[in-house]
Amino acid sequence: MRFYPLLDFQYVVAAVLGALGVLAMILLFFRSYTRKDRGEEEKQETENYPEGLKAAQNPLPPIILVLMVALVAWVFHYVYLIGIRGPAF
């Protein structure tokens, strides 16, 4: 048992709130991602390559956007903890 039992509760609350925040962010990204109808897919500009390959200009998948936002948030957090506050001695 820890000397400060409230610290365990704070860790649990921080983990739950963090998980809910990540879930809300993922849901927001997926909600803004709409699929196009088949008719619109044929109208968009595509590049044709040999052997029947086609390349279209599609939006980034939402999970890639989530990973990019998480990476940027981690970088700012890391710079703050290590660069500004300095390592703990």
N, C-alpha and C. Protein backbone atom coordinates (compact mmCIF):
# COMPACT_ATOMS: atom_id res chain seq x y z
N MET A 1 0.84 -1.18 0.00
CA MET A 1 0.00 0.00 0.00
C MET A 1 0.88 1.24 0.00
N ARG A 2 0.50 2.19 -0.79
CA ARG A 2 1.26 3.42 -0.88
C ARG A 2 1.05 4.29 0.35
N PHE A 3 2.00 5.19 0.53
CA PHE A 3 1.89 6.12 1.64
C PHE A 3 0.75 7.11 1.39
N TYR A 4 0.55 7.47 0.11
CA TYR A 4 -0.54 8.38 -0.26
C TYR A 4 -1.54 7.62 -1.12
N PRO A 5 -2.61 7.07 -0.54
CA PRO A 5 -3.56 6.27 -1.34
C PRO A 5 -4.33 7.09 -2.36
N LEU A 6 -4.43 8.40 -2.18
CA LEU A 6 -5.15 9.23 -3.13
C LEU A 6 -4.42 9.28 -4.48
N LEU A 7 -3.11 9.03 -4.46
CA LEU A 7 -2.33 9.05 -5.69
C LEU A 7 -2.80 7.97 -6.67
N ASP A 8 -3.15 6.79 -6.17
CA ASP A 8 -3.67 5.72 -7.04
C ASP A 8 -4.98 6.15 -7.69
N PHE A 9 -5.85 6.78 -6.93
CA PHE A 9 -7.11 7.26 -7.48
C PHE A 9 -6.87 8.32 -8.55
N GLN A 10 -5.90 9.19 -8.35
CA GLN A 10 -5.59 10.21 -9.34
C GLN A 10 -5.09 9.58 -10.63
N TYR A 11 -4.29 8.52 -10.52
CA TYR A 11 -3.81 7.83 -11.72
C TYR A 11 -4.96 7.19 -12.49
N VAL A 12 -5.89 6.60 -11.77
CA VAL A 12 -7.04 5.96 -12.43
C VAL A 12 -7.90 7.01 -13.13
N VAL A 13 -8.16 8.12 -12.45
CA VAL A 13 -8.97 9.19 -13.05
C VAL A 13 -8.26 9.76 -14.27
N ALA A 14 -6.95 9.98 -14.18
CA ALA A 14 -6.20 10.51 -15.32
C ALA A 14 -6.23 9.53 -16.50
N ALA A 15 -6.13 8.23 -16.23
CA ALA A 15 -6.16 7.24 -17.30
C ALA A 15 -7.54 7.19 -17.96
N VAL A 16 -8.59 7.23 -17.16
CA VAL A 16 -9.95 7.18 -17.72
C VAL A 16 -10.24 8.43 -18.54
N LEU A 17 -9.90 9.61 -18.01
CA LEU A 17 -10.14 10.84 -18.76
C LEU A 17 -9.29 10.91 -20.03
N GLY A 18 -8.07 10.43 -19.96
CA GLY A 18 -7.23 10.39 -21.15
C GLY A 18 -7.80 9.46 -22.21
N ALA A 19 -8.28 8.30 -21.79
CA ALA A 19 -8.87 7.36 -22.74
C ALA A 19 -10.14 7.93 -23.36
N LEU A 20 -10.96 8.60 -22.55
CA LEU A 20 -12.17 9.22 -23.10
C LEU A 20 -11.82 10.35 -24.07
N GLY A 21 -10.78 11.10 -23.78
CA GLY A 21 -10.34 12.15 -24.70
C GLY A 21 -9.87 11.59 -26.02
N VAL A 22 -9.09 10.52 -25.97
CA VAL A 22 -8.62 9.89 -27.21
C VAL A 22 -9.79 9.31 -27.99
N LEU A 23 -10.73 8.68 -27.30
CA LEU A 23 -11.91 8.13 -27.97
C LEU A 23 -12.74 9.24 -28.63
N ALA A 24 -12.92 10.36 -27.94
CA ALA A 24 -13.67 11.48 -28.52
C ALA A 24 -12.95 12.03 -29.74
N MET A 25 -11.63 12.11 -29.69
CA MET A 25 -10.87 12.61 -30.83
C MET A 25 -11.00 11.67 -32.03
N ILE A 26 -10.92 10.37 -31.79
CA ILE A 26 -11.06 9.40 -32.88
C ILE A 26 -12.45 9.48 -33.49
N LEU A 27 -13.48 9.60 -32.64
CA LEU A 27 -14.84 9.70 -33.16
C LEU A 27 -15.03 10.97 -33.98
N LEU A 28 -14.44 12.07 -33.57
CA LEU A 28 -14.53 13.30 -34.35
C LEU A 28 -13.88 13.15 -35.72
N PHE A 29 -12.73 12.50 -35.75
CA PHE A 29 -12.06 12.31 -37.03
C PHE A 29 -12.87 11.40 -37.95
N PHE A 30 -13.43 10.32 -37.41
CA PHE A 30 -14.20 9.42 -38.25
C PHE A 30 -15.53 10.03 -38.68
N ARG A 31 -16.09 10.91 -37.86
CA ARG A 31 -17.36 11.55 -38.22
C ARG A 31 -17.17 12.51 -39.41
N SER A 32 -16.02 13.15 -39.48
CA SER A 32 -15.78 14.08 -40.57
C SER A 32 -15.36 13.39 -41.86
N TYR A 33 -15.07 12.12 -41.80
CA TYR A 33 -14.62 11.36 -42.96
C TYR A 33 -15.84 10.75 -43.64
N THR A 34 -16.17 11.25 -44.82
CA THR A 34 -17.34 10.73 -45.53
C THR A 34 -16.90 9.95 -46.76
N ARG A 35 -17.66 8.93 -47.07
CA ARG A 35 -17.36 8.13 -48.25
C ARG A 35 -18.14 8.68 -49.43
N LYS A 36 -17.53 8.61 -50.59
CA LYS A 36 -18.19 9.11 -51.81
C LYS A 36 -19.01 7.99 -52.45
N ASP A 37 -20.03 8.40 -53.17
CA ASP A 37 -20.83 7.45 -53.92
C ASP A 37 -20.03 6.91 -55.09
N ARG A 38 -20.49 5.81 -55.65
CA ARG A 38 -19.79 5.22 -56.80
C ARG A 38 -19.79 6.15 -58.01
N GLY A 39 -20.88 6.91 -58.20
CA GLY A 39 -20.97 7.81 -59.34
C GLY A 39 -19.95 8.93 -59.27
N GLU A 40 -19.70 9.45 -58.07
CA GLU A 40 -18.72 10.51 -57.91
C GLU A 40 -17.30 9.98 -58.06
N GLU A 41 -17.10 8.72 -57.74
CA GLU A 41 -15.77 8.14 -57.81
C GLU A 41 -15.27 8.10 -59.26
N GLU A 42 -16.17 7.86 -60.20
CA GLU A 42 -15.77 7.80 -61.60
C GLU A 42 -15.46 9.19 -62.15
N LYS A 43 -16.07 10.24 -61.59
CA LYS A 43 -15.88 11.59 -62.10
C LYS A 43 -14.56 12.21 -61.67
N GLN A 44 -13.99 11.75 -60.57
CA GLN A 44 -12.77 12.40 -60.07
C GLN A 44 -11.58 12.07 -60.96
N GLU A 45 -10.62 12.96 -60.91
CA GLU A 45 -9.44 12.79 -61.76
C GLU A 45 -8.56 11.67 -61.21
N THR A 46 -8.12 10.80 -62.08
CA THR A 46 -7.23 9.72 -61.69
C THR A 46 -6.06 9.68 -62.65
N GLU A 47 -4.98 9.11 -62.17
CA GLU A 47 -3.81 8.90 -63.02
C GLU A 47 -3.75 7.42 -63.37
N ASN A 48 -3.58 7.12 -64.63
CA ASN A 48 -3.51 5.73 -65.08
C ASN A 48 -2.07 5.32 -65.26
N TYR A 49 -1.75 4.14 -64.73
CA TYR A 49 -0.41 3.59 -64.85
C TYR A 49 -0.50 2.26 -65.58
N PRO A 50 0.65 1.73 -66.03
CA PRO A 50 0.63 0.45 -66.72
C PRO A 50 0.02 -0.66 -65.86
N GLU A 51 -0.46 -1.68 -66.51
CA GLU A 51 -1.07 -2.86 -65.90
C GLU A 51 -2.38 -2.52 -65.19
N GLY A 52 -3.06 -1.46 -65.60
CA GLY A 52 -4.38 -1.14 -65.07
C GLY A 52 -4.41 -0.50 -63.70
N LEU A 53 -3.29 -0.01 -63.21
CA LEU A 53 -3.27 0.64 -61.90
C LEU A 53 -3.77 2.07 -62.04
N LYS A 54 -4.56 2.51 -61.05
CA LYS A 54 -5.08 3.87 -61.04
C LYS A 54 -4.76 4.52 -59.71
N ALA A 55 -4.40 5.79 -59.72
CA ALA A 55 -4.13 6.55 -58.50
C ALA A 55 -5.08 7.72 -58.44
N ALA A 56 -5.81 7.83 -57.34
CA ALA A 56 -6.78 8.92 -57.18
C ALA A 56 -6.35 9.80 -56.01
N GLN A 57 -6.84 11.03 -55.99
CA GLN A 57 -6.56 11.95 -54.90
C GLN A 57 -7.63 11.77 -53.83
N ASN A 58 -7.34 10.97 -52.83
CA ASN A 58 -8.28 10.70 -51.75
C ASN A 58 -7.80 11.37 -50.47
N PRO A 59 -8.72 11.65 -49.54
CA PRO A 59 -8.30 12.23 -48.26
C PRO A 59 -7.54 11.21 -47.41
N LEU A 60 -6.79 11.71 -46.42
CA LEU A 60 -6.08 10.82 -45.51
C LEU A 60 -7.07 10.03 -44.66
N PRO A 61 -6.76 8.79 -44.36
CA PRO A 61 -7.63 8.04 -43.45
C PRO A 61 -7.62 8.70 -42.07
N PRO A 62 -8.73 8.64 -41.36
CA PRO A 62 -8.81 9.31 -40.05
C PRO A 62 -7.78 8.81 -39.04
N ILE A 63 -7.42 7.53 -39.09
CA ILE A 63 -6.48 7.02 -38.11
C ILE A 63 -5.10 7.65 -38.30
N ILE A 64 -4.74 7.98 -39.54
CA ILE A 64 -3.48 8.65 -39.80
C ILE A 64 -3.52 10.07 -39.21
N LEU A 65 -4.65 10.74 -39.34
CA LEU A 65 -4.78 12.07 -38.75
C LEU A 65 -4.69 12.00 -37.23
N VAL A 66 -5.30 10.98 -36.63
CA VAL A 66 -5.22 10.81 -35.17
C VAL A 66 -3.77 10.60 -34.75
N LEU A 67 -3.05 9.77 -35.48
CA LEU A 67 -1.65 9.53 -35.15
C LEU A 67 -0.80 10.79 -35.30
N MET A 68 -1.08 11.60 -36.31
CA MET A 68 -0.34 12.85 -36.48
C MET A 68 -0.60 13.82 -35.34
N VAL A 69 -1.85 13.95 -34.94
CA VAL A 69 -2.18 14.85 -33.82
C VAL A 69 -1.55 14.33 -32.53
N ALA A 70 -1.58 13.02 -32.31
CA ALA A 70 -0.98 12.45 -31.11
C ALA A 70 0.53 12.66 -31.11
N LEU A 71 1.17 12.55 -32.26
CA LEU A 71 2.61 12.77 -32.35
C LEU A 71 2.95 14.22 -32.02
N VAL A 72 2.20 15.16 -32.56
CA VAL A 72 2.46 16.57 -32.29
C VAL A 72 2.24 16.87 -30.81
N ALA A 73 1.19 16.32 -30.21
CA ALA A 73 0.94 16.53 -28.78
C ALA A 73 2.06 15.95 -27.94
N TRP A 74 2.55 14.77 -28.31
CA TRP A 74 3.65 14.16 -27.57
C TRP A 74 4.91 15.00 -27.69
N VAL A 75 5.19 15.54 -28.87
CA VAL A 75 6.39 16.36 -29.06
C VAL A 75 6.33 17.60 -28.17
N PHE A 76 5.20 18.29 -28.13
CA PHE A 76 5.10 19.48 -27.29
C PHE A 76 5.22 19.11 -25.81
N HIS A 77 4.61 18.01 -25.42
CA HIS A 77 4.70 17.56 -24.03
C HIS A 77 6.15 17.21 -23.68
N TYR A 78 6.85 16.52 -24.56
CA TYR A 78 8.23 16.13 -24.32
C TYR A 78 9.14 17.35 -24.25
N VAL A 79 8.93 18.31 -25.16
CA VAL A 79 9.75 19.52 -25.15
C VAL A 79 9.53 20.28 -23.85
N TYR A 80 8.30 20.33 -23.38
CA TYR A 80 8.02 21.02 -22.14
C TYR A 80 8.70 20.32 -20.95
N LEU A 81 8.52 19.01 -20.86
CA LEU A 81 9.07 18.29 -19.71
C LEU A 81 10.59 18.24 -19.70
N ILE A 82 11.21 17.97 -20.84
CA ILE A 82 12.65 17.80 -20.88
C ILE A 82 13.36 19.12 -21.21
N GLY A 83 12.87 19.84 -22.20
CA GLY A 83 13.57 21.04 -22.64
C GLY A 83 13.38 22.24 -21.73
N ILE A 84 12.19 22.46 -21.25
CA ILE A 84 11.93 23.67 -20.46
C ILE A 84 12.16 23.40 -18.97
N ARG A 85 11.54 22.35 -18.44
CA ARG A 85 11.69 22.06 -17.02
C ARG A 85 13.01 21.42 -16.69
N GLY A 86 13.57 20.69 -17.65
CA GLY A 86 14.85 20.02 -17.43
C GLY A 86 14.65 18.68 -16.75
N PRO A 87 15.66 17.84 -16.84
CA PRO A 87 15.55 16.52 -16.21
C PRO A 87 15.60 16.63 -14.69
N ALA A 88 14.95 15.71 -14.02
CA ALA A 88 14.97 15.68 -12.55
C ALA A 88 16.28 15.08 -12.08
N PHE A 89 16.92 15.71 -11.13
CA PHE A 89 18.19 15.20 -10.59
C PHE A 89 17.98 14.71 -9.18
